């Protein structure tokens, strides 16, 4: 899998338990699709992504119905999770409701 942090100006790290308590900042004007566009690539097999209140980006594989269930607190099929920037987490303005789809060129 290509590195998720090859794009200049971005820093992506794997999320750990301590990172779950991190407070994210809101970037005004950036929706989840725009935040995801800052990533160099997506994990193999991921078809969509969500974000939680800490700024953690979770990547999902099918079935997509599991993504909505997981956002509601149920178990799901997350295959990778990371922060766009671990030192200064970015939070999309629509993080609570948005589901970003994998770009066609990925």
N, C-alpha and C. Protein backbone atom coordinates (compact mmCIF):
# COMPACT_ATOMS: atom_id res chain seq x y z
N UNK A 1 0.85 -1.18 0.00
CA UNK A 1 0.00 0.00 0.00
C UNK A 1 0.89 1.24 0.00
N UNK A 2 0.59 2.23 -0.82
CA UNK A 2 1.37 3.46 -0.80
C UNK A 2 1.23 4.16 0.54
N UNK A 3 2.21 4.95 0.86
CA UNK A 3 2.21 5.70 2.12
C UNK A 3 1.07 6.70 2.12
N UNK A 4 0.45 6.87 3.28
CA UNK A 4 -0.64 7.84 3.41
C UNK A 4 -0.12 9.24 3.68
N UNK A 5 1.20 9.39 3.81
CA UNK A 5 1.72 10.71 4.14
C UNK A 5 2.78 11.19 3.14
N UNK A 6 2.61 10.83 1.87
CA UNK A 6 3.56 11.24 0.85
C UNK A 6 3.25 12.62 0.27
N UNK A 7 2.05 13.11 0.46
CA UNK A 7 1.70 14.41 -0.11
C UNK A 7 2.36 15.51 0.71
N UNK A 8 3.09 16.43 0.07
CA UNK A 8 3.76 17.52 0.81
C UNK A 8 2.77 18.31 1.65
N UNK A 9 3.18 18.66 2.84
CA UNK A 9 2.35 19.47 3.71
C UNK A 9 1.36 18.70 4.54
N UNK A 10 1.31 17.37 4.41
CA UNK A 10 0.41 16.59 5.23
C UNK A 10 1.21 15.64 6.09
N UNK A 11 0.67 15.31 7.23
CA UNK A 11 1.32 14.37 8.13
C UNK A 11 0.25 13.47 8.68
N UNK A 12 0.32 12.18 8.37
CA UNK A 12 -0.68 11.23 8.80
C UNK A 12 -0.01 10.19 9.67
N UNK A 13 -0.58 9.93 10.84
CA UNK A 13 -0.03 8.91 11.73
C UNK A 13 -1.14 7.97 12.14
N UNK A 14 -0.77 6.73 12.46
CA UNK A 14 -1.76 5.78 12.95
C UNK A 14 -2.27 6.23 14.31
N UNK A 15 -3.54 6.00 14.54
CA UNK A 15 -4.16 6.42 15.79
C UNK A 15 -3.93 5.37 16.86
N UNK A 16 -3.60 5.80 18.04
CA UNK A 16 -3.47 4.91 19.19
C UNK A 16 -4.50 5.27 20.23
N UNK A 17 -4.54 4.53 21.32
CA UNK A 17 -5.54 4.76 22.37
C UNK A 17 -5.43 6.17 22.95
N UNK A 18 -4.20 6.65 23.14
CA UNK A 18 -4.02 7.98 23.71
C UNK A 18 -4.53 9.06 22.77
N UNK A 19 -4.46 8.81 21.47
CA UNK A 19 -4.92 9.79 20.50
C UNK A 19 -6.43 9.98 20.53
N UNK A 20 -7.16 9.01 21.05
CA UNK A 20 -8.62 9.11 21.09
C UNK A 20 -9.08 10.29 21.94
N UNK A 21 -8.25 10.72 22.88
CA UNK A 21 -8.64 11.81 23.78
C UNK A 21 -8.25 13.17 23.22
N UNK A 22 -7.61 13.20 22.09
CA UNK A 22 -7.13 14.44 21.47
C UNK A 22 -8.31 15.33 21.10
N UNK A 23 -8.13 16.62 21.28
CA UNK A 23 -9.16 17.58 20.89
C UNK A 23 -8.85 18.08 19.49
N UNK A 24 -9.77 17.96 18.57
CA UNK A 24 -9.57 18.42 17.20
C UNK A 24 -9.98 19.88 17.08
N UNK A 25 -9.41 20.54 16.10
CA UNK A 25 -9.82 21.91 15.82
C UNK A 25 -10.67 21.89 14.56
N UNK A 26 -11.60 22.79 14.46
CA UNK A 26 -12.43 22.88 13.27
C UNK A 26 -11.75 23.80 12.27
N UNK A 27 -11.68 23.36 11.02
CA UNK A 27 -11.15 24.19 9.95
C UNK A 27 -12.35 24.72 9.18
N UNK A 28 -12.63 25.97 9.33
CA UNK A 28 -13.81 26.54 8.71
C UNK A 28 -13.73 26.44 7.19
N UNK A 29 -14.82 25.98 6.61
CA UNK A 29 -14.91 25.91 5.17
C UNK A 29 -14.45 24.60 4.56
N UNK A 30 -13.89 23.67 5.35
CA UNK A 30 -13.46 22.38 4.79
C UNK A 30 -14.47 21.30 5.15
N UNK A 31 -15.06 20.69 4.12
CA UNK A 31 -15.94 19.55 4.37
C UNK A 31 -15.08 18.29 4.36
N UNK A 32 -15.66 17.16 4.74
CA UNK A 32 -14.90 15.92 4.84
C UNK A 32 -14.24 15.55 3.52
N UNK A 33 -14.93 15.71 2.40
CA UNK A 33 -14.33 15.39 1.11
C UNK A 33 -13.06 16.22 0.87
N UNK A 34 -13.07 17.47 1.29
CA UNK A 34 -11.90 18.33 1.12
C UNK A 34 -10.76 17.91 2.05
N UNK A 35 -11.09 17.51 3.26
CA UNK A 35 -10.07 17.00 4.19
C UNK A 35 -9.45 15.73 3.61
N UNK A 36 -10.29 14.83 3.11
CA UNK A 36 -9.79 13.56 2.55
C UNK A 36 -8.94 13.80 1.31
N UNK A 37 -9.21 14.85 0.56
CA UNK A 37 -8.43 15.16 -0.64
C UNK A 37 -6.98 15.53 -0.29
N UNK A 38 -6.73 15.88 0.95
CA UNK A 38 -5.37 16.21 1.38
C UNK A 38 -4.51 14.97 1.59
N UNK A 39 -5.13 13.79 1.65
CA UNK A 39 -4.38 12.55 1.80
C UNK A 39 -3.73 12.15 0.49
N UNK A 40 -2.55 11.55 0.58
CA UNK A 40 -1.85 11.10 -0.63
C UNK A 40 -2.53 9.89 -1.25
N UNK A 41 -3.09 9.01 -0.43
CA UNK A 41 -3.75 7.81 -0.95
C UNK A 41 -4.68 7.23 0.11
N UNK A 42 -5.46 6.25 -0.31
CA UNK A 42 -6.37 5.55 0.58
C UNK A 42 -5.84 4.15 0.82
N UNK A 43 -6.18 3.53 1.96
CA UNK A 43 -5.78 2.13 2.19
C UNK A 43 -6.44 1.19 1.18
N UNK A 44 -5.75 0.14 0.83
CA UNK A 44 -6.31 -0.86 -0.09
C UNK A 44 -7.62 -1.41 0.48
N UNK A 45 -8.62 -1.53 -0.35
CA UNK A 45 -9.90 -2.10 0.05
C UNK A 45 -10.89 -1.11 0.64
N UNK A 46 -10.44 0.10 0.98
CA UNK A 46 -11.34 1.09 1.56
C UNK A 46 -12.19 1.72 0.46
N UNK A 47 -13.49 1.86 0.73
CA UNK A 47 -14.39 2.47 -0.23
C UNK A 47 -14.98 3.79 0.25
N UNK A 48 -14.90 4.03 1.57
CA UNK A 48 -15.40 5.29 2.11
C UNK A 48 -14.68 5.60 3.42
N UNK A 49 -14.89 6.82 3.91
CA UNK A 49 -14.23 7.25 5.14
C UNK A 49 -15.17 8.13 5.94
N UNK A 50 -14.98 8.11 7.26
CA UNK A 50 -15.74 8.97 8.17
C UNK A 50 -14.74 9.63 9.11
N UNK A 51 -15.24 10.55 9.91
CA UNK A 51 -14.38 11.23 10.88
C UNK A 51 -15.14 11.34 12.20
N UNK A 52 -14.40 11.20 13.31
CA UNK A 52 -15.04 11.37 14.61
C UNK A 52 -14.69 12.75 15.18
N UNK A 53 -15.22 13.05 16.36
CA UNK A 53 -15.06 14.37 16.95
C UNK A 53 -13.62 14.73 17.28
N UNK A 54 -12.74 13.73 17.41
CA UNK A 54 -11.34 14.01 17.71
C UNK A 54 -10.54 14.34 16.45
N UNK A 55 -11.15 14.16 15.29
CA UNK A 55 -10.45 14.37 14.02
C UNK A 55 -9.94 13.07 13.41
N UNK A 56 -10.17 11.94 14.09
CA UNK A 56 -9.73 10.65 13.59
C UNK A 56 -10.50 10.29 12.33
N UNK A 57 -9.77 9.94 11.27
CA UNK A 57 -10.37 9.52 10.01
C UNK A 57 -10.36 8.00 9.98
N UNK A 58 -11.52 7.39 9.78
CA UNK A 58 -11.64 5.93 9.71
C UNK A 58 -12.00 5.54 8.29
N UNK A 59 -11.30 4.53 7.77
CA UNK A 59 -11.54 4.04 6.42
C UNK A 59 -12.28 2.71 6.50
N UNK A 60 -13.25 2.53 5.60
CA UNK A 60 -14.17 1.40 5.66
C UNK A 60 -14.19 0.60 4.37
N UNK A 61 -14.44 -0.69 4.51
CA UNK A 61 -14.67 -1.55 3.35
C UNK A 61 -16.14 -1.95 3.36
N UNK A 62 -16.64 -2.52 2.26
CA UNK A 62 -18.06 -2.91 2.21
C UNK A 62 -18.40 -3.91 3.31
N UNK A 63 -19.63 -4.00 3.76
CA UNK A 63 -20.79 -3.29 3.23
C UNK A 63 -20.90 -1.88 3.80
N UNK A 64 -21.36 -0.97 2.99
CA UNK A 64 -21.47 0.42 3.42
C UNK A 64 -22.51 0.61 4.51
N UNK A 65 -23.47 -0.30 4.61
CA UNK A 65 -24.47 -0.20 5.68
C UNK A 65 -23.80 -0.29 7.05
N UNK A 66 -22.65 -0.97 7.13
CA UNK A 66 -21.92 -1.08 8.39
C UNK A 66 -21.36 0.26 8.84
N UNK A 67 -21.09 1.15 7.89
CA UNK A 67 -20.54 2.46 8.22
C UNK A 67 -21.56 3.27 9.01
N UNK A 68 -22.78 3.34 8.52
CA UNK A 68 -23.82 4.08 9.23
C UNK A 68 -24.10 3.47 10.58
N UNK A 69 -24.09 2.15 10.67
CA UNK A 69 -24.31 1.48 11.94
C UNK A 69 -23.19 1.81 12.93
N UNK A 70 -21.97 1.87 12.44
CA UNK A 70 -20.84 2.17 13.31
C UNK A 70 -20.90 3.60 13.80
N UNK A 71 -21.32 4.52 12.94
CA UNK A 71 -21.48 5.91 13.38
C UNK A 71 -22.52 6.00 14.49
N UNK A 72 -23.43 5.04 14.53
CA UNK A 72 -24.45 5.01 15.57
C UNK A 72 -23.96 4.24 16.80
N UNK A 73 -22.71 3.78 16.80
CA UNK A 73 -22.14 3.13 17.97
C UNK A 73 -22.04 1.61 17.89
N UNK A 74 -22.37 1.01 16.76
CA UNK A 74 -22.30 -0.43 16.62
C UNK A 74 -20.96 -0.84 16.00
N UNK A 75 -20.61 -2.11 16.07
CA UNK A 75 -19.36 -2.60 15.48
C UNK A 75 -19.41 -2.50 13.97
N UNK A 76 -18.25 -2.29 13.34
CA UNK A 76 -18.21 -2.14 11.89
C UNK A 76 -16.96 -2.75 11.29
N UNK A 77 -16.66 -2.40 10.05
CA UNK A 77 -15.55 -2.99 9.32
C UNK A 77 -14.50 -1.94 8.97
N UNK A 78 -14.03 -1.21 9.97
CA UNK A 78 -12.98 -0.22 9.77
C UNK A 78 -11.67 -0.96 9.48
N UNK A 79 -10.96 -0.55 8.43
CA UNK A 79 -9.71 -1.24 8.08
C UNK A 79 -8.47 -0.39 8.37
N UNK A 80 -8.64 0.91 8.63
CA UNK A 80 -7.50 1.77 8.96
C UNK A 80 -8.04 3.05 9.56
N UNK A 81 -7.29 3.62 10.48
CA UNK A 81 -7.66 4.91 11.07
C UNK A 81 -6.41 5.75 11.25
N UNK A 82 -6.54 7.06 11.01
CA UNK A 82 -5.39 7.95 11.14
C UNK A 82 -5.88 9.39 11.34
N UNK A 83 -4.94 10.25 11.71
CA UNK A 83 -5.19 11.68 11.78
C UNK A 83 -4.50 12.32 10.59
N UNK A 84 -5.08 13.36 10.04
CA UNK A 84 -4.42 14.10 8.98
C UNK A 84 -3.16 14.74 9.54
N UNK A 85 -3.23 15.25 10.76
CA UNK A 85 -2.07 15.83 11.44
C UNK A 85 -2.24 15.55 12.93
N UNK A 86 -1.40 14.69 13.47
CA UNK A 86 -1.55 14.26 14.87
C UNK A 86 -1.30 15.39 15.85
N UNK A 87 -0.46 16.35 15.49
CA UNK A 87 -0.15 17.45 16.41
C UNK A 87 -1.22 18.52 16.40
N UNK A 88 -1.95 18.64 15.30
CA UNK A 88 -2.99 19.65 15.16
C UNK A 88 -4.13 19.06 14.35
N UNK A 89 -4.92 18.17 14.97
CA UNK A 89 -5.98 17.46 14.23
C UNK A 89 -6.94 18.39 13.51
N UNK A 90 -7.29 18.00 12.32
CA UNK A 90 -8.21 18.76 11.48
C UNK A 90 -9.59 18.12 11.57
N UNK A 91 -10.60 18.93 11.79
CA UNK A 91 -11.97 18.44 11.90
C UNK A 91 -12.81 19.08 10.81
N UNK A 92 -13.41 18.26 9.97
CA UNK A 92 -14.27 18.77 8.90
C UNK A 92 -15.53 19.37 9.51
N UNK A 93 -16.09 20.35 8.82
CA UNK A 93 -17.30 20.99 9.36
C UNK A 93 -18.50 20.06 9.36
N UNK A 94 -18.47 19.03 8.50
CA UNK A 94 -19.58 18.09 8.42
C UNK A 94 -19.21 16.71 8.97
N UNK A 95 -18.24 16.66 9.88
CA UNK A 95 -17.71 15.39 10.39
C UNK A 95 -18.79 14.49 10.97
N UNK A 96 -19.79 15.04 11.60
CA UNK A 96 -20.79 14.23 12.31
C UNK A 96 -21.73 13.47 11.38
N UNK A 97 -21.87 13.93 10.15
CA UNK A 97 -22.84 13.31 9.25
C UNK A 97 -22.26 12.84 7.92
N UNK A 98 -21.09 13.32 7.55
CA UNK A 98 -20.54 13.03 6.22
C UNK A 98 -19.90 11.65 6.12
N UNK A 99 -20.05 11.07 4.95
CA UNK A 99 -19.33 9.85 4.57
C UNK A 99 -18.64 10.17 3.25
N UNK A 100 -17.31 10.18 3.28
CA UNK A 100 -16.54 10.48 2.08
C UNK A 100 -16.32 9.23 1.26
N UNK A 101 -16.56 9.31 -0.04
CA UNK A 101 -16.37 8.17 -0.94
C UNK A 101 -14.98 8.21 -1.56
N UNK A 102 -14.42 7.03 -1.78
CA UNK A 102 -13.10 6.93 -2.40
C UNK A 102 -13.15 7.58 -3.79
N UNK A 103 -12.18 8.44 -4.11
CA UNK A 103 -12.16 9.06 -5.44
C UNK A 103 -12.01 8.01 -6.54
N UNK A 104 -12.58 8.28 -7.68
CA UNK A 104 -12.53 7.33 -8.79
C UNK A 104 -11.12 7.08 -9.28
N UNK A 105 -10.22 8.06 -9.12
CA UNK A 105 -8.85 7.89 -9.60
C UNK A 105 -7.93 7.20 -8.60
N UNK A 106 -8.43 6.77 -7.47
CA UNK A 106 -7.62 6.07 -6.45
C UNK A 106 -7.48 4.62 -6.81
